[in-house]
Amino acid sequence: MGGETWQLLQAVEGEFVVPDNFFKWLFVPLSPTVCLCAHPEVNPSTLHRDDVAVINRLAIEASIDYYFARDLDHCPQSVSP
């Protein structure tokens, strides 16, 4: 994943899901509320519940065998369009 420009994202509402791979979407959770992101179009660096839900849905859809979180009840998920 070299050559990418990474930024830190902070969830102010909700928590991130951790997928079993990060190759499709370059979102790498570091803690339940902080993740690295290599998508320059993602702005601002603080995310509300709906933004976290979109990232979580993408993470779950990209998972091959599993995903996890500290508590899935605190991880919002948006519905696929």
PDB file of N, CA and C in Angstrom:
ATOM      1  N   MET A   1       0.817  -1.186   0.000  1.00  0.00           N
ATOM      2  CA  MET A   1       0.000   0.000   0.000  1.00  0.00           C
ATOM      3  C   MET A   1       0.865   1.256   0.000  1.00  0.00           C
ATOM      4  N   GLY A   2       2.107   1.072  -0.421  1.00  0.00           N
ATOM      5  CA  GLY A   2       2.999   2.218  -0.524  1.00  0.00           C
ATOM      6  C   GLY A   2       2.560   3.153  -1.632  1.00  0.00           C
ATOM      7  N   GLY A   3       3.023   4.357  -1.562  1.00  0.00           N
ATOM      8  CA  GLY A   3       2.680   5.334  -2.579  1.00  0.00           C
ATOM      9  C   GLY A   3       1.354   6.029  -2.331  1.00  0.00           C
ATOM     10  N   GLU A   4       0.644   5.616  -1.292  1.00  0.00           N
ATOM     11  CA  GLU A   4      -0.635   6.247  -0.963  1.00  0.00           C
ATOM     12  C   GLU A   4      -0.402   7.376   0.024  1.00  0.00           C
ATOM     13  N   THR A   5      -1.275   8.361   0.002  1.00  0.00           N
ATOM     14  CA  THR A   5      -1.265   9.420   0.996  1.00  0.00           C
ATOM     15  C   THR A   5      -2.350   9.092   2.008  1.00  0.00           C
ATOM     16  N   TRP A   6      -1.933   8.865   3.237  1.00  0.00           N
ATOM     17  CA  TRP A   6      -2.854   8.433   4.282  1.00  0.00           C
ATOM     18  C   TRP A   6      -3.243   9.602   5.176  1.00  0.00           C
ATOM     19  N   GLN A   7      -4.463   9.546   5.682  1.00  0.00           N
ATOM     20  CA  GLN A   7      -4.932  10.517   6.659  1.00  0.00           C
ATOM     21  C   GLN A   7      -5.656   9.768   7.780  1.00  0.00           C
ATOM     22  N   LEU A   8      -5.707  10.369   8.940  1.00  0.00           N
ATOM     23  CA  LEU A   8      -6.445   9.803  10.070  1.00  0.00           C
ATOM     24  C   LEU A   8      -7.872  10.314  10.051  1.00  0.00           C
ATOM     25  N   LEU A   9      -8.812   9.407  10.287  1.00  0.00           N
ATOM     26  CA  LEU A   9     -10.217   9.763  10.411  1.00  0.00           C
ATOM     27  C   LEU A   9     -10.669   9.433  11.824  1.00  0.00           C
ATOM     28  N   GLN A  10     -11.460  10.312  12.405  1.00  0.00           N
ATOM     29  CA  GLN A  10     -11.970  10.123  13.768  1.00  0.00           C
ATOM     30  C   GLN A  10     -13.486  10.037  13.718  1.00  0.00           C
ATOM     31  N   ALA A  11     -14.038   8.961  14.247  1.00  0.00           N
ATOM     32  CA  ALA A  11     -15.492   8.830  14.348  1.00  0.00           C
ATOM     33  C   ALA A  11     -15.956   9.553  15.607  1.00  0.00           C
ATOM     34  N   VAL A  12     -16.861  10.491  15.445  1.00  0.00           N
ATOM     35  CA  VAL A  12     -17.421  11.165  16.611  1.00  0.00           C
ATOM     36  C   VAL A  12     -18.707  10.480  17.063  1.00  0.00           C
ATOM     37  N   GLU A  13     -19.249   9.618  16.192  1.00  0.00           N
ATOM     38  CA  GLU A  13     -20.425   8.811  16.503  1.00  0.00           C
ATOM     39  C   GLU A  13     -20.232   7.451  15.854  1.00  0.00           C
ATOM     40  N   GLY A  14     -20.439   6.390  16.590  1.00  0.00           N
ATOM     41  CA  GLY A  14     -20.311   5.046  16.056  1.00  0.00           C
ATOM     42  C   GLY A  14     -18.871   4.552  16.074  1.00  0.00           C
ATOM     43  N   GLU A  15     -18.703   3.282  15.736  1.00  0.00           N
ATOM     44  CA  GLU A  15     -17.394   2.644  15.725  1.00  0.00           C
ATOM     45  C   GLU A  15     -17.184   1.909  14.409  1.00  0.00           C
ATOM     46  N   PHE A  16     -15.917   1.671  14.081  1.00  0.00           N
ATOM     47  CA  PHE A  16     -15.559   1.027  12.819  1.00  0.00           C
ATOM     48  C   PHE A  16     -15.538  -0.498  12.930  1.00  0.00           C
ATOM     49  N   VAL A  17     -15.933  -1.140  11.847  1.00  0.00           N
ATOM     50  CA  VAL A  17     -15.799  -2.583  11.665  1.00  0.00           C
ATOM     51  C   VAL A  17     -14.410  -2.838  11.083  1.00  0.00           C
ATOM     52  N   VAL A  18     -13.795  -3.949  11.463  1.00  0.00           N
ATOM     53  CA  VAL A  18     -12.485  -4.326  10.932  1.00  0.00           C
ATOM     54  C   VAL A  18     -12.679  -5.518   9.992  1.00  0.00           C
ATOM     55  N   PRO A  19     -12.434  -5.351   8.689  1.00  0.00           N
ATOM     56  CA  PRO A  19     -12.576  -6.466   7.750  1.00  0.00           C
ATOM     57  C   PRO A  19     -11.329  -7.344   7.756  1.00  0.00           C
ATOM     58  N   ASP A  20     -11.432  -8.505   7.132  1.00  0.00           N
ATOM     59  CA  ASP A  20     -10.278  -9.408   7.065  1.00  0.00           C
ATOM     60  C   ASP A  20      -9.325  -9.072   5.922  1.00  0.00           C
ATOM     61  N   ASN A  21      -9.599  -8.025   5.173  1.00  0.00           N
ATOM     62  CA  ASN A  21      -8.655  -7.532   4.161  1.00  0.00           C
ATOM     63  C   ASN A  21      -8.943  -6.053   3.911  1.00  0.00           C
ATOM     64  N   PHE A  22      -7.949  -5.374   3.357  1.00  0.00           N
ATOM     65  CA  PHE A  22      -8.066  -3.928   3.147  1.00  0.00           C
ATOM     66  C   PHE A  22      -7.742  -3.535   1.709  1.00  0.00           C
ATOM     67  N   PHE A  23      -7.691  -4.505   0.805  1.00  0.00           N
ATOM     68  CA  PHE A  23      -7.186  -4.223  -0.535  1.00  0.00           C
ATOM     69  C   PHE A  23      -8.190  -3.533  -1.442  1.00  0.00           C
ATOM     70  N   LYS A  24      -9.476  -3.787  -1.245  1.00  0.00           N
ATOM     71  CA  LYS A  24     -10.469  -3.138  -2.101  1.00  0.00           C
ATOM     72  C   LYS A  24     -10.675  -1.686  -1.679  1.00  0.00           C
ATOM     73  N   TRP A  25     -10.792  -1.457  -0.376  1.00  0.00           N
ATOM     74  CA  TRP A  25     -11.002  -0.116   0.174  1.00  0.00           C
ATOM     75  C   TRP A  25      -9.876   0.153   1.148  1.00  0.00           C
ATOM     76  N   LEU A  26      -9.200   1.231   0.990  1.00  0.00           N
ATOM     77  CA  LEU A  26      -8.046   1.532   1.831  1.00  0.00           C
ATOM     78  C   LEU A  26      -8.456   2.288   3.092  1.00  0.00           C
ATOM     79  N   PHE A  27      -9.253   1.604   3.914  1.00  0.00           N
ATOM     80  CA  PHE A  27      -9.626   2.064   5.244  1.00  0.00           C
ATOM     81  C   PHE A  27      -9.085   1.043   6.229  1.00  0.00           C
ATOM     82  N   VAL A  28      -8.211   1.453   7.137  1.00  0.00           N
ATOM     83  CA  VAL A  28      -7.583   0.541   8.081  1.00  0.00           C
ATOM     84  C   VAL A  28      -7.876   1.029   9.500  1.00  0.00           C
ATOM     85  N   PRO A  29      -8.839   0.401  10.191  1.00  0.00           N
ATOM     86  CA  PRO A  29      -9.130   0.814  11.567  1.00  0.00           C
ATOM     87  C   PRO A  29      -7.934   0.564  12.484  1.00  0.00           C
ATOM     88  N   LEU A  30      -7.635   1.553  13.312  1.00  0.00           N
ATOM     89  CA  LEU A  30      -6.568   1.443  14.301  1.00  0.00           C
ATOM     90  C   LEU A  30      -7.145   1.246  15.697  1.00  0.00           C
ATOM     91  N   SER A  31      -8.353   1.723  15.898  1.00  0.00           N
ATOM     92  CA  SER A  31      -9.080   1.575  17.158  1.00  0.00           C
ATOM     93  C   SER A  31     -10.564   1.619  16.794  1.00  0.00           C
ATOM     94  N   PRO A  32     -11.454   1.419  17.733  1.00  0.00           N
ATOM     95  CA  PRO A  32     -12.882   1.478  17.391  1.00  0.00           C
ATOM     96  C   PRO A  32     -13.328   2.800  16.775  1.00  0.00           C
ATOM     97  N   THR A  33     -12.619   3.903  17.067  1.00  0.00           N
ATOM     98  CA  THR A  33     -13.078   5.207  16.572  1.00  0.00           C
ATOM     99  C   THR A  33     -12.055   5.949  15.709  1.00  0.00           C
ATOM    100  N   VAL A  34     -10.924   5.317  15.401  1.00  0.00           N
ATOM    101  CA  VAL A  34      -9.894   5.958  14.566  1.00  0.00           C
ATOM    102  C   VAL A  34      -9.493   4.992  13.462  1.00  0.00           C
ATOM    103  N   CYS A  35      -9.375   5.512  12.240  1.00  0.00           N
ATOM    104  CA  CYS A  35      -8.885   4.667  11.153  1.00  0.00           C
ATOM    105  C   CYS A  35      -7.999   5.484  10.216  1.00  0.00           C
ATOM    106  N   LEU A  36      -7.146   4.753   9.513  1.00  0.00           N
ATOM    107  CA  LEU A  36      -6.347   5.348   8.443  1.00  0.00           C
ATOM    108  C   LEU A  36      -7.148   5.255   7.166  1.00  0.00           C
ATOM    109  N   CYS A  37      -6.998   6.238   6.313  1.00  0.00           N
ATOM    110  CA  CYS A  37      -7.740   6.284   5.062  1.00  0.00           C
ATOM    111  C   CYS A  37      -6.828   6.786   3.954  1.00  0.00           C
ATOM    112  N   ALA A  38      -6.835   6.113   2.821  1.00  0.00           N
ATOM    113  CA  ALA A  38      -6.029   6.551   1.672  1.00  0.00           C
ATOM    114  C   ALA A  38      -6.930   7.007   0.532  1.00  0.00           C
ATOM    115  N   HIS A  39      -8.014   7.649   0.870  1.00  0.00           N
ATOM    116  CA  HIS A  39      -8.937   8.195  -0.120  1.00  0.00           C
ATOM    117  C   HIS A  39      -8.954   9.704   0.045  1.00  0.00           C
ATOM    118  N   PRO A  40      -8.237  10.433  -0.812  1.00  0.00           N
ATOM    119  CA  PRO A  40      -8.131  11.887  -0.632  1.00  0.00           C
ATOM    120  C   PRO A  40      -9.466  12.619  -0.723  1.00  0.00           C
ATOM    121  N   GLU A  41     -10.456  11.991  -1.348  1.00  0.00           N
ATOM    122  CA  GLU A  41     -11.755  12.658  -1.482  1.00  0.00           C
ATOM    123  C   GLU A  41     -12.559  12.628  -0.183  1.00  0.00           C
ATOM    124  N   VAL A  42     -12.129  11.824   0.791  1.00  0.00           N
ATOM    125  CA  VAL A  42     -12.830  11.765   2.069  1.00  0.00           C
ATOM    126  C   VAL A  42     -12.426  12.973   2.901  1.00  0.00           C
ATOM    127  N   ASN A  43     -13.406  13.789   3.203  1.00  0.00           N
ATOM    128  CA  ASN A  43     -13.182  14.999   3.981  1.00  0.00           C
ATOM    129  C   ASN A  43     -14.492  15.323   4.674  1.00  0.00           C
ATOM    130  N   PRO A  44     -14.567  15.733   5.843  1.00  0.00           N
ATOM    131  CA  PRO A  44     -13.520  16.133   6.771  1.00  0.00           C
ATOM    132  C   PRO A  44     -12.938  14.927   7.495  1.00  0.00           C
ATOM    133  N   SER A  45     -12.018  15.189   8.406  1.00  0.00           N
ATOM    134  CA  SER A  45     -11.355  14.104   9.116  1.00  0.00           C
ATOM    135  C   SER A  45     -12.179  13.587  10.287  1.00  0.00           C
ATOM    136  N   THR A  46     -13.239  14.298  10.681  1.00  0.00           N
ATOM    137  CA  THR A  46     -14.149  13.795  11.704  1.00  0.00           C
ATOM    138  C   THR A  46     -15.422  13.305  11.032  1.00  0.00           C
ATOM    139  N   LEU A  47     -15.835  12.112  11.400  1.00  0.00           N
ATOM    140  CA  LEU A  47     -16.955  11.462  10.733  1.00  0.00           C
ATOM    141  C   LEU A  47     -18.127  11.274  11.691  1.00  0.00           C
ATOM    142  N   HIS A  48     -19.308  11.537  11.190  1.00  0.00           N
ATOM    143  CA  HIS A  48     -20.524  11.306  11.965  1.00  0.00           C
ATOM    144  C   HIS A  48     -21.085   9.928  11.638  1.00  0.00           C
ATOM    145  N   ARG A  49     -22.130   9.552  12.300  1.00  0.00           N
ATOM    146  CA  ARG A  49     -22.698   8.197  12.230  1.00  0.00           C
ATOM    147  C   ARG A  49     -22.939   7.731  10.791  1.00  0.00           C
ATOM    148  N   ASP A  50     -23.524   8.566   9.943  1.00  0.00           N
ATOM    149  CA  ASP A  50     -23.816   8.154   8.564  1.00  0.00           C
ATOM    150  C   ASP A  50     -22.537   7.874   7.771  1.00  0.00           C
ATOM    151  N   ASP A  51     -21.491   8.658   8.008  1.00  0.00           N
ATOM    152  CA  ASP A  51     -20.211   8.438   7.325  1.00  0.00           C
ATOM    153  C   ASP A  51     -19.565   7.135   7.784  1.00  0.00           C
ATOM    154  N   VAL A  52     -19.605   6.883   9.088  1.00  0.00           N
ATOM    155  CA  VAL A  52     -19.063   5.636   9.630  1.00  0.00           C
ATOM    156  C   VAL A  52     -19.849   4.449   9.082  1.00  0.00           C
ATOM    157  N   ALA A  53     -21.154   4.603   8.936  1.00  0.00           N
ATOM    158  CA  ALA A  53     -21.997   3.533   8.408  1.00  0.00           C
ATOM    159  C   ALA A  53     -21.600   3.157   6.975  1.00  0.00           C
ATOM    160  N   VAL A  54     -21.294   4.147   6.155  1.00  0.00           N
ATOM    161  CA  VAL A  54     -20.873   3.870   4.775  1.00  0.00           C
ATOM    162  C   VAL A  54     -19.554   3.097   4.764  1.00  0.00           C
ATOM    163  N   ILE A  55     -18.587   3.542   5.562  1.00  0.00           N
ATOM    164  CA  ILE A  55     -17.298   2.850   5.627  1.00  0.00           C
ATOM    165  C   ILE A  55     -17.494   1.418   6.128  1.00  0.00           C
ATOM    166  N   ASN A  56     -18.340   1.239   7.133  1.00  0.00           N
ATOM    167  CA  ASN A  56     -18.585  -0.106   7.661  1.00  0.00           C
ATOM    168  C   ASN A  56     -19.239  -1.008   6.626  1.00  0.00           C
ATOM    169  N   ARG A  57     -20.190  -0.471   5.875  1.00  0.00           N
ATOM    170  CA  ARG A  57     -20.830  -1.291   4.835  1.00  0.00           C
ATOM    171  C   ARG A  57     -19.803  -1.730   3.801  1.00  0.00           C
ATOM    172  N   LEU A  58     -18.932  -0.817   3.375  1.00  0.00           N
ATOM    173  CA  LEU A  58     -17.898  -1.163   2.407  1.00  0.00           C
ATOM    174  C   LEU A  58     -16.956  -2.220   2.974  1.00  0.00           C
ATOM    175  N   ALA A  59     -16.596  -2.084   4.235  1.00  0.00           N
ATOM    176  CA  ALA A  59     -15.702  -3.051   4.879  1.00  0.00           C
ATOM    177  C   ALA A  59     -16.348  -4.432   4.932  1.00  0.00           C
ATOM    178  N   ILE A  60     -17.606  -4.484   5.299  1.00  0.00           N
ATOM    179  CA  ILE A  60     -18.307  -5.774   5.395  1.00  0.00           C
ATOM    180  C   ILE A  60     -18.442  -6.411   4.023  1.00  0.00           C
ATOM    181  N   GLU A  61     -18.797  -5.632   3.016  1.00  0.00           N
ATOM    182  CA  GLU A  61     -18.943  -6.169   1.661  1.00  0.00           C
ATOM    183  C   GLU A  61     -17.617  -6.657   1.097  1.00  0.00           C
ATOM    184  N   ALA A  62     -16.504  -6.047   1.490  1.00  0.00           N
ATOM    185  CA  ALA A  62     -15.188  -6.443   0.984  1.00  0.00           C
ATOM    186  C   ALA A  62     -14.589  -7.615   1.766  1.00  0.00           C
ATOM    187  N   SER A  63     -15.167  -7.950   2.905  1.00  0.00           N
ATOM    188  CA  SER A  63     -14.639  -9.045   3.717  1.00  0.00           C
ATOM    189  C   SER A  63     -14.754 -10.366   2.971  1.00  0.00           C
ATOM    190  N   ILE A  64     -13.730 -11.182   3.123  1.00  0.00           N
ATOM    191  CA  ILE A  64     -13.720 -12.485   2.459  1.00  0.00           C
ATOM    192  C   ILE A  64     -14.339 -13.546   3.359  1.00  0.00           C
ATOM    193  N   ASP A  65     -13.831 -13.671   4.587  1.00  0.00           N
ATOM    194  CA  ASP A  65     -14.316 -14.702   5.500  1.00  0.00           C
ATOM    195  C   ASP A  65     -14.938 -14.147   6.781  1.00  0.00           C
ATOM    196  N   TYR A  66     -14.472 -12.992   7.227  1.00  0.00           N
ATOM    197  CA  TYR A  66     -14.970 -12.486   8.500  1.00  0.00           C
ATOM    198  C   TYR A  66     -14.712 -10.989   8.637  1.00  0.00           C
ATOM    199  N   TYR A  67     -15.358 -10.408   9.599  1.00  0.00           N
ATOM    200  CA  TYR A  67     -15.085  -9.053  10.068  1.00  0.00           C
ATOM    201  C   TYR A  67     -15.386  -9.059  11.558  1.00  0.00           C
ATOM    202  N   PHE A  68     -14.857  -8.064  12.267  1.00  0.00           N
ATOM    203  CA  PHE A  68     -15.081  -8.009  13.706  1.00  0.00           C
ATOM    204  C   PHE A  68     -15.080  -6.565  14.168  1.00  0.00           C
ATOM    205  N   ALA A  69     -15.448  -6.377  15.413  1.00  0.00           N
ATOM    206  CA  ALA A  69     -15.455  -5.054  16.042  1.00  0.00           C
ATOM    207  C   ALA A  69     -15.449  -5.257  17.546  1.00  0.00           C
ATOM    208  N   ARG A  70     -15.156  -4.208  18.258  1.00  0.00           N
ATOM    209  CA  ARG A  70     -15.218  -4.289  19.717  1.00  0.00           C
ATOM    210  C   ARG A  70     -16.631  -4.676  20.137  1.00  0.00           C
ATOM    211  N   ASP A  71     -17.637  -4.037  19.517  1.00  0.00           N
ATOM    212  CA  ASP A  71     -19.034  -4.335  19.797  1.00  0.00           C
ATOM    213  C   ASP A  71     -19.831  -3.976  18.545  1.00  0.00           C
ATOM    214  N   LEU A  72     -20.297  -4.974  17.819  1.00  0.00           N
ATOM    215  CA  LEU A  72     -21.012  -4.723  16.557  1.00  0.00           C
ATOM    216  C   LEU A  72     -22.271  -3.878  16.756  1.00  0.00           C
ATOM    217  N   ASP A  73     -22.812  -3.881  17.959  1.00  0.00           N
ATOM    218  CA  ASP A  73     -23.992  -3.042  18.230  1.00  0.00           C
ATOM    219  C   ASP A  73     -23.676  -1.559  18.147  1.00  0.00           C
ATOM    220  N   HIS A  74     -22.393  -1.191  18.257  1.00  0.00           N
ATOM    221  CA  HIS A  74     -21.986   0.213  18.171  1.00  0.00           C
ATOM    222  C   HIS A  74     -21.477   0.587  16.773  1.00  0.00           C
ATOM    223  N   CYS A  75     -21.593  -0.339  15.813  1.00  0.00           N
ATOM    224  CA  CYS A  75     -21.088  -0.127  14.458  1.00  0.00           C
ATOM    225  C   CYS A  75     -22.251   0.061  13.491  1.00  0.00           C
ATOM    226  N   PRO A  76     -22.566   1.300  13.167  1.00  0.00           N
ATOM    227  CA  PRO A  76     -23.673   1.520  12.224  1.00  0.00           C
ATOM    228  C   PRO A  76     -23.316   0.985  10.842  1.00  0.00           C
ATOM    229  N   GLN A  77     -24.339   0.554  10.119  1.00  0.00           N
ATOM    230  CA  GLN A  77     -24.148   0.057   8.760  1.00  0.00           C
ATOM    231  C   GLN A  77     -25.240   0.643   7.887  1.00  0.00           C
ATOM    232  N   SER A  78     -24.831   1.206   6.769  1.00  0.00           N
ATOM    233  CA  SER A  78     -25.827   1.732   5.843  1.00  0.00           C
ATOM    234  C   SER A  78     -26.307   0.587   4.958  1.00  0.00           C
ATOM    235  N   VAL A  79     -27.451   0.768   4.396  1.00  0.00           N
ATOM    236  CA  VAL A  79     -28.033  -0.226   3.494  1.00  0.00           C
ATOM    237  C   VAL A  79     -27.482  -0.004   2.097  1.00  0.00           C
ATOM    238  N   SER A  80     -27.132  -1.095   1.411  1.00  0.00           N
ATOM    239  CA  SER A  80     -26.633  -0.973   0.036  1.00  0.00           C
ATOM    240  C   SER A  80     -27.690  -0.336  -0.840  1.00  0.00           C
ATOM    241  N   PRO A  81     -27.257   0.517  -1.794  1.00  0.00           N
ATOM    242  CA  PRO A  81     -28.233   1.173  -2.690  1.00  0.00           C
ATOM    243  C   PRO A  81     -28.874   0.192  -3.633  1.00  0.00           C
TER     244      PRO A  81
END
